[in-house]
């Protein structure tokens, strides 16, 4: 199981329940620091989840997100760091997360 953990309530509780159920060997918990978190938020999430017994990988790749772009209605967008339109930013970030997910699946050797 590949579980992305934001540090919010839903994903954190899911990770804790999976660990308590004894699934820790089959769960790959990943927290993504995309460079847009609050100051020290990723470090706080990492420390808290590891203290709770969650086997957590932290992916720190803000450059990947800031330089990401996507296809929007048949046109390649600007990079995220160059984009001001909120809807375009959402599309770019969503697409970047999918690409990062696929990269993590390959890195972890998951199907």
C-alpha atoms as a PDB file:
ATOM      1  CA  UNK A   1       0.000   0.000   0.000  1.00  0.00           C
ATOM      2  CA  UNK A   2       1.322   3.416  -0.945  1.00  0.00           C
ATOM      3  CA  UNK A   3      -0.017   6.066   1.445  1.00  0.00           C
ATOM      4  CA  UNK A   4       0.722   9.740   0.995  1.00  0.00           C
ATOM      5  CA  UNK A   5       0.620  11.452   4.385  1.00  0.00           C
ATOM      6  CA  UNK A   6       0.105  15.202   4.454  1.00  0.00           C
ATOM      7  CA  UNK A   7       0.207  15.514   8.219  1.00  0.00           C
ATOM      8  CA  UNK A   8      -3.489  16.362   8.303  1.00  0.00           C
ATOM      9  CA  UNK A   9      -6.004  14.425  10.363  1.00  0.00           C
ATOM     10  CA  UNK A  10      -7.296  12.038   7.678  1.00  0.00           C
ATOM     11  CA  UNK A  11      -3.985  10.762   6.338  1.00  0.00           C
ATOM     12  CA  UNK A  12      -2.351  10.685   9.774  1.00  0.00           C
ATOM     13  CA  UNK A  13      -5.178   8.638  11.311  1.00  0.00           C
ATOM     14  CA  UNK A  14      -5.083   6.294   8.311  1.00  0.00           C
ATOM     15  CA  UNK A  15      -1.338   5.756   8.782  1.00  0.00           C
ATOM     16  CA  UNK A  16      -1.780   5.172  12.521  1.00  0.00           C
ATOM     17  CA  UNK A  17      -4.620   2.682  11.994  1.00  0.00           C
ATOM     18  CA  UNK A  18      -2.599   0.783   9.406  1.00  0.00           C
ATOM     19  CA  UNK A  19       0.375   0.619  11.777  1.00  0.00           C
ATOM     20  CA  UNK A  20      -1.838  -0.557  14.658  1.00  0.00           C
ATOM     21  CA  UNK A  21      -3.336  -3.225  12.385  1.00  0.00           C
ATOM     22  CA  UNK A  22       0.148  -4.628  11.889  1.00  0.00           C
ATOM     23  CA  UNK A  23       0.379  -3.562   8.250  1.00  0.00           C
ATOM     24  CA  UNK A  24       3.544  -1.514   8.692  1.00  0.00           C
ATOM     25  CA  UNK A  25       5.623  -3.914   6.568  1.00  0.00           C
ATOM     26  CA  UNK A  26       3.245  -3.566   3.646  1.00  0.00           C
ATOM     27  CA  UNK A  27       2.535   0.166   3.939  1.00  0.00           C
ATOM     28  CA  UNK A  28       4.838   2.710   2.340  1.00  0.00           C
ATOM     29  CA  UNK A  29       4.007   6.049   3.951  1.00  0.00           C
ATOM     30  CA  UNK A  30       5.322   9.048   2.037  1.00  0.00           C
ATOM     31  CA  UNK A  31       5.226  12.710   3.012  1.00  0.00           C
ATOM     32  CA  UNK A  32       5.947  15.219   0.250  1.00  0.00           C
ATOM     33  CA  UNK A  33       7.629  18.514   1.027  1.00  0.00           C
ATOM     34  CA  UNK A  34       6.787  20.451  -2.122  1.00  0.00           C
ATOM     35  CA  UNK A  35       8.245  23.716  -0.890  1.00  0.00           C
ATOM     36  CA  UNK A  36       4.893  25.320  -0.112  1.00  0.00           C
ATOM     37  CA  UNK A  37       4.464  24.058   3.444  1.00  0.00           C
ATOM     38  CA  UNK A  38       4.399  26.294   6.497  1.00  0.00           C
ATOM     39  CA  UNK A  39       7.774  26.959   8.118  1.00  0.00           C
ATOM     40  CA  UNK A  40       9.121  23.666   9.595  1.00  0.00           C
ATOM     41  CA  UNK A  41       5.810  21.877   8.913  1.00  0.00           C
ATOM     42  CA  UNK A  42       7.393  18.909   7.138  1.00  0.00           C
ATOM     43  CA  UNK A  43       9.900  18.446   9.953  1.00  0.00           C
ATOM     44  CA  UNK A  44       7.087  18.524  12.524  1.00  0.00           C
ATOM     45  CA  UNK A  45       5.091  15.956  10.523  1.00  0.00           C
ATOM     46  CA  UNK A  46       8.144  13.730  10.142  1.00  0.00           C
ATOM     47  CA  UNK A  47       9.053  13.795  13.831  1.00  0.00           C
ATOM     48  CA  UNK A  48       5.464  13.204  14.971  1.00  0.00           C
ATOM     49  CA  UNK A  49       4.778  10.303  12.622  1.00  0.00           C
ATOM     50  CA  UNK A  50       8.090   8.578  13.261  1.00  0.00           C
ATOM     51  CA  UNK A  51       7.531   8.963  17.022  1.00  0.00           C
ATOM     52  CA  UNK A  52       4.170   7.243  16.514  1.00  0.00           C
ATOM     53  CA  UNK A  53       5.932   4.299  14.885  1.00  0.00           C
ATOM     54  CA  UNK A  54       5.127   5.111  11.263  1.00  0.00           C
ATOM     55  CA  UNK A  55       7.782   4.022   8.775  1.00  0.00           C
ATOM     56  CA  UNK A  56       7.852   7.262   6.788  1.00  0.00           C
ATOM     57  CA  UNK A  57       9.779   8.399   3.725  1.00  0.00           C
ATOM     58  CA  UNK A  58       9.992  12.159   3.286  1.00  0.00           C
ATOM     59  CA  UNK A  59      10.393  13.373  -0.272  1.00  0.00           C
ATOM     60  CA  UNK A  60      11.792  16.896  -0.362  1.00  0.00           C
ATOM     61  CA  UNK A  61      11.616  18.153  -3.926  1.00  0.00           C
ATOM     62  CA  UNK A  62      10.465  21.771  -4.108  1.00  0.00           C
ATOM     63  CA  UNK A  63      12.324  22.339  -7.396  1.00  0.00           C
ATOM     64  CA  UNK A  64      10.291  19.570  -9.036  1.00  0.00           C
ATOM     65  CA  UNK A  65       7.056  21.347  -8.091  1.00  0.00           C
ATOM     66  CA  UNK A  66       8.212  24.908  -8.788  1.00  0.00           C
ATOM     67  CA  UNK A  67       9.429  23.907 -12.268  1.00  0.00           C
ATOM     68  CA  UNK A  68       6.415  21.699 -13.055  1.00  0.00           C
ATOM     69  CA  UNK A  69       3.983  22.529 -15.827  1.00  0.00           C
ATOM     70  CA  UNK A  70       1.065  20.695 -17.385  1.00  0.00           C
ATOM     71  CA  UNK A  71      -1.232  20.591 -20.375  1.00  0.00           C
ATOM     72  CA  UNK A  72      -4.236  22.850 -19.866  1.00  0.00           C
ATOM     73  CA  UNK A  73      -6.881  22.616 -22.578  1.00  0.00           C
ATOM     74  CA  UNK A  74      -4.311  21.552 -25.176  1.00  0.00           C
ATOM     75  CA  UNK A  75      -1.698  24.175 -24.272  1.00  0.00           C
ATOM     76  CA  UNK A  76       1.413  23.682 -22.194  1.00  0.00           C
ATOM     77  CA  UNK A  77       1.244  25.880 -19.096  1.00  0.00           C
ATOM     78  CA  UNK A  78       3.966  28.046 -17.677  1.00  0.00           C
ATOM     79  CA  UNK A  79       5.876  26.576 -14.759  1.00  0.00           C
ATOM     80  CA  UNK A  80       4.232  26.755 -11.346  1.00  0.00           C
ATOM     81  CA  UNK A  81       6.615  29.481 -10.206  1.00  0.00           C
ATOM     82  CA  UNK A  82       5.602  31.595 -13.219  1.00  0.00           C
ATOM     83  CA  UNK A  83       1.851  31.013 -12.905  1.00  0.00           C
ATOM     84  CA  UNK A  84      -0.493  33.407 -11.124  1.00  0.00           C
ATOM     85  CA  UNK A  85      -3.883  31.922 -12.069  1.00  0.00           C
ATOM     86  CA  UNK A  86      -5.217  29.812  -9.159  1.00  0.00           C
ATOM     87  CA  UNK A  87      -6.949  27.249 -11.406  1.00  0.00           C
ATOM     88  CA  UNK A  88      -3.784  26.737 -13.448  1.00  0.00           C
ATOM     89  CA  UNK A  89      -1.781  26.354 -10.231  1.00  0.00           C
ATOM     90  CA  UNK A  90      -4.197  23.650  -9.031  1.00  0.00           C
ATOM     91  CA  UNK A  91      -3.857  21.797 -12.341  1.00  0.00           C
ATOM     92  CA  UNK A  92      -0.052  22.007 -12.281  1.00  0.00           C
ATOM     93  CA  UNK A  93       0.201  20.869  -8.645  1.00  0.00           C
ATOM     94  CA  UNK A  94      -2.240  18.002  -9.218  1.00  0.00           C
ATOM     95  CA  UNK A  95      -0.326  16.803 -12.264  1.00  0.00           C
ATOM     96  CA  UNK A  96       2.992  17.146 -10.422  1.00  0.00           C
ATOM     97  CA  UNK A  97       1.674  14.976  -7.566  1.00  0.00           C
ATOM     98  CA  UNK A  98       0.643  12.282 -10.066  1.00  0.00           C
ATOM     99  CA  UNK A  99       4.112  12.367 -11.650  1.00  0.00           C
ATOM    100  CA  UNK A 100       5.747  12.205  -8.222  1.00  0.00           C
ATOM    101  CA  UNK A 101       3.471   9.321  -7.222  1.00  0.00           C
ATOM    102  CA  UNK A 102       4.547   7.411 -10.325  1.00  0.00           C
ATOM    103  CA  UNK A 103       8.190   8.157  -9.540  1.00  0.00           C
ATOM    104  CA  UNK A 104       7.727   6.827  -5.986  1.00  0.00           C
ATOM    105  CA  UNK A 105       5.979   3.685  -7.264  1.00  0.00           C
ATOM    106  CA  UNK A 106       8.995   3.019  -9.499  1.00  0.00           C
ATOM    107  CA  UNK A 107      11.485   3.825  -6.728  1.00  0.00           C
ATOM    108  CA  UNK A 108       9.754   1.467  -4.301  1.00  0.00           C
ATOM    109  CA  UNK A 109       9.312  -1.267  -6.904  1.00  0.00           C
ATOM    110  CA  UNK A 110       5.526  -1.324  -6.493  1.00  0.00           C
ATOM    111  CA  UNK A 111       3.103  -2.477  -9.177  1.00  0.00           C
END
